């Protein structure tokens, strides 16, 4: 089978996507691009991928099927794609973590360049911050930003304690604001730490 892939610019939703297909294979869509961005060049576990996609999808106005779940916002479609496509040329599952292949990393960097070319450097900065955040703090961020996703949560009390501890230490609240192409996100300084 031909292992080459072809990249073409196209404008979808936020005007950031690039189309990627492989001979005799499925085309990638915006959700696939979000998954690749959420996995990142260093890899991530499923929970961080889900939460990163939740934040990015809201900022980029890309529709997902995120719903309230036991651990906050969850997309069954994202879970299915991670499991059904975990042996693609773009990412693989190693243990409990998803990693980009060399082709996946190449696409990841092209997507970042597309965001920058579309004057969306702020999204790239936010993505970098999300990748650096611990899972605990990323979950707290999504609970704070999207309270509608916590109604079924079995960990909401623990997450609320994380949010309250950040407030008690004099840190700013988590805030996201989008006006046209301008995105503002305020994140406490010490949320970036080990996964």
Protein backbone atom coordinates (compact mmCIF):
# COMPACT_ATOMS: atom_id res chain seq x y z
CA UNK A 1 0.00 0.00 0.00
CA UNK A 2 1.21 3.52 -0.81
CA UNK A 3 2.55 5.14 2.39
CA UNK A 4 2.63 8.71 1.09
CA UNK A 5 0.08 11.26 2.19
CA UNK A 6 -1.01 14.46 0.56
CA UNK A 7 -1.66 17.73 2.29
CA UNK A 8 -3.93 20.43 0.86
CA UNK A 9 -5.23 23.59 2.50
CA UNK A 10 -8.96 23.96 2.82
CA UNK A 11 -11.24 26.22 4.78
CA UNK A 12 -13.50 24.41 7.23
CA UNK A 13 -15.17 25.95 10.28
CA UNK A 14 -12.30 28.07 11.61
CA UNK A 15 -10.31 28.02 8.37
CA UNK A 16 -7.43 26.12 9.93
CA UNK A 17 -7.75 22.57 8.70
CA UNK A 18 -5.59 20.84 6.15
CA UNK A 19 -6.96 17.85 4.30
CA UNK A 20 -4.98 14.66 4.59
CA UNK A 21 -5.75 11.39 2.90
CA UNK A 22 -3.78 8.30 2.05
CA UNK A 23 -4.35 6.19 -1.03
CA UNK A 24 -7.19 3.70 -0.31
CA UNK A 25 -7.71 5.14 3.17
CA UNK A 26 -10.18 7.36 5.04
CA UNK A 27 -9.98 11.17 4.83
CA UNK A 28 -9.31 13.07 8.03
CA UNK A 29 -11.85 15.60 9.30
CA UNK A 30 -11.76 18.41 11.87
CA UNK A 31 -12.23 16.01 14.79
CA UNK A 32 -9.23 13.97 13.59
CA UNK A 33 -7.18 17.18 13.49
CA UNK A 34 -8.28 18.01 17.04
CA UNK A 35 -7.24 14.51 18.15
CA UNK A 36 -3.80 14.95 16.57
CA UNK A 37 -3.41 18.39 18.19
CA UNK A 38 -4.56 16.99 21.56
CA UNK A 39 -2.14 14.05 21.43
CA UNK A 40 0.69 16.49 20.78
CA UNK A 41 4.27 15.79 19.88
CA UNK A 42 5.02 14.15 23.24
CA UNK A 43 1.88 11.99 23.54
CA UNK A 44 -1.01 12.02 25.99
CA UNK A 45 -3.41 9.76 27.83
CA UNK A 46 -7.08 9.51 26.93
CA UNK A 47 -8.32 11.83 29.70
CA UNK A 48 -6.01 14.67 28.68
CA UNK A 49 -6.91 14.16 25.02
CA UNK A 50 -10.64 14.36 25.85
CA UNK A 51 -10.24 17.52 27.97
CA UNK A 52 -7.90 19.21 25.47
CA UNK A 53 -10.38 18.53 22.67
CA UNK A 54 -13.18 20.01 24.79
CA UNK A 55 -11.28 23.29 25.21
CA UNK A 56 -10.00 23.44 21.61
CA UNK A 57 -13.37 22.59 20.07
CA UNK A 58 -14.99 25.47 21.95
CA UNK A 59 -12.24 27.92 20.98
CA UNK A 60 -12.21 26.86 17.31
CA UNK A 61 -16.02 26.53 17.03
CA UNK A 62 -15.83 22.88 15.98
CA UNK A 63 -18.84 20.80 16.98
CA UNK A 64 -18.21 17.68 19.05
CA UNK A 65 -20.56 15.33 20.84
CA UNK A 66 -19.15 16.14 24.29
CA UNK A 67 -21.52 15.28 27.10
CA UNK A 68 -21.52 15.13 30.88
CA UNK A 69 -19.84 11.95 32.09
CA UNK A 70 -18.39 10.41 35.25
CA UNK A 71 -15.15 12.39 34.92
CA UNK A 72 -16.54 15.52 33.27
CA UNK A 73 -16.80 16.29 29.57
CA UNK A 74 -16.51 13.16 27.42
CA UNK A 75 -16.98 12.40 23.73
CA UNK A 76 -17.89 8.87 22.71
CA UNK A 77 -16.86 9.71 19.14
CA UNK A 78 -13.37 10.75 20.29
CA UNK A 79 -13.07 7.53 22.32
CA UNK A 80 -14.18 5.43 19.34
CA UNK A 81 -11.72 7.14 16.99
CA UNK A 82 -8.85 6.74 19.42
CA UNK A 83 -9.62 3.04 19.73
CA UNK A 84 -10.52 2.26 16.12
CA UNK A 85 -7.71 4.28 14.55
CA UNK A 86 -5.03 3.55 17.12
CA UNK A 87 -2.89 1.77 14.54
CA UNK A 88 -3.03 4.38 11.80
CA UNK A 89 -0.06 6.08 10.24
CA UNK A 90 -0.70 9.16 12.43
CA UNK A 91 -0.88 7.82 15.98
CA UNK A 92 -0.54 4.61 17.97
CA UNK A 93 -1.46 3.51 21.47
CA UNK A 94 1.47 2.42 23.60
CA UNK A 95 0.34 1.20 27.00
CA UNK A 96 -2.19 3.74 28.23
CA UNK A 97 -0.80 6.62 26.17
CA UNK A 98 -1.34 7.74 22.60
CA UNK A 99 1.73 8.82 20.63
CA UNK A 100 2.05 10.44 17.22
CA UNK A 101 4.02 8.58 14.58
CA UNK A 102 6.59 10.46 12.49
CA UNK A 103 3.84 11.22 9.95
CA UNK A 104 1.55 12.26 12.79
CA UNK A 105 4.19 14.65 14.13
CA UNK A 106 4.68 16.07 10.65
CA UNK A 107 0.93 16.70 10.40
CA UNK A 108 0.86 18.12 13.96
CA UNK A 109 3.51 20.70 13.06
CA UNK A 110 1.72 21.54 9.79
CA UNK A 111 -1.51 22.13 11.72
CA UNK A 112 0.35 24.43 14.13
CA UNK A 113 1.78 26.31 11.15
CA UNK A 114 -1.72 26.60 9.64
CA UNK A 115 -3.00 28.09 12.91
CA UNK A 116 -0.14 30.61 12.92
CA UNK A 117 -0.70 31.44 9.24
CA UNK A 118 -4.36 32.15 10.00
CA UNK A 119 -3.31 34.59 12.76
CA UNK A 120 -4.33 32.15 15.50
CA UNK A 121 -1.05 32.11 17.44
CA UNK A 122 -3.10 32.45 20.62
CA UNK A 123 -4.59 29.00 20.01
CA UNK A 124 -1.07 27.56 19.63
CA UNK A 125 -0.08 29.16 22.96
CA UNK A 126 -3.20 27.79 24.65
CA UNK A 127 -2.50 24.34 23.24
CA UNK A 128 1.05 24.48 24.57
CA UNK A 129 -0.28 25.44 28.02
CA UNK A 130 -2.86 22.64 27.93
CA UNK A 131 -0.12 20.11 27.09
CA UNK A 132 1.98 21.31 30.04
CA UNK A 133 -0.88 21.14 32.55
CA UNK A 134 -1.28 18.22 34.90
CA UNK A 135 -4.34 16.05 34.25
CA UNK A 136 -5.77 17.18 37.60
CA UNK A 137 -5.48 20.86 36.69
CA UNK A 138 -6.73 20.35 33.13
CA UNK A 139 -9.80 18.58 34.48
CA UNK A 140 -10.29 21.47 36.95
CA UNK A 141 -10.02 23.95 34.07
CA UNK A 142 -12.68 22.15 32.02
CA UNK A 143 -15.00 21.88 35.05
CA UNK A 144 -14.62 25.58 35.69
CA UNK A 145 -15.08 26.63 32.06
CA UNK A 146 -17.84 24.17 31.18
CA UNK A 147 -19.89 23.47 34.34
CA UNK A 148 -22.58 21.80 32.23
CA UNK A 149 -20.22 18.82 31.79
CA UNK A 150 -20.04 17.94 35.50
CA UNK A 151 -23.61 16.93 36.30
CA UNK A 152 -22.82 13.17 36.26
CA UNK A 153 -19.29 13.54 37.63
CA UNK A 154 -18.19 11.24 40.42
CA UNK A 155 -15.07 13.36 41.06
CA UNK A 156 -16.62 16.85 41.10
CA UNK A 157 -16.01 17.34 44.84
CA UNK A 158 -12.30 16.57 44.43
CA UNK A 159 -12.07 18.85 41.39
CA UNK A 160 -13.87 21.66 43.22
CA UNK A 161 -11.24 21.34 45.97
CA UNK A 162 -8.50 21.87 43.35
CA UNK A 163 -10.28 24.97 42.05
CA UNK A 164 -10.80 26.30 45.59
CA UNK A 165 -7.15 25.67 46.53
CA UNK A 166 -6.05 27.71 43.51
CA UNK A 167 -8.39 30.52 44.56
CA UNK A 168 -7.20 30.38 48.17
CA UNK A 169 -3.60 30.81 47.07
CA UNK A 170 -4.60 34.11 45.47
CA UNK A 171 -4.60 32.90 41.87
CA UNK A 172 -6.95 34.23 39.23
CA UNK A 173 -9.99 32.22 38.20
CA UNK A 174 -9.82 30.27 34.97
CA UNK A 175 -11.37 32.39 32.23
CA UNK A 176 -11.84 32.02 28.48
CA UNK A 177 -13.26 34.67 26.20
CA UNK A 178 -13.57 34.64 22.40
CA UNK A 179 -14.43 37.64 20.22
CA UNK A 180 -14.05 36.92 16.50
CA UNK A 181 -10.48 35.72 16.02
CA UNK A 182 -9.38 37.04 19.42
CA UNK A 183 -9.17 34.46 22.20
CA UNK A 184 -8.29 35.35 25.76
CA UNK A 185 -7.55 32.66 28.33
CA UNK A 186 -6.34 33.33 31.85
CA UNK A 187 -4.76 30.38 33.62
CA UNK A 188 -3.13 30.46 37.07
CA UNK A 189 0.67 30.43 36.82
CA UNK A 190 1.20 27.17 38.67
CA UNK A 191 -1.17 24.91 36.71
CA UNK A 192 1.64 23.72 34.45
CA UNK A 193 3.32 20.69 35.94
CA UNK A 194 3.82 16.97 35.48
CA UNK A 195 1.08 14.92 33.81
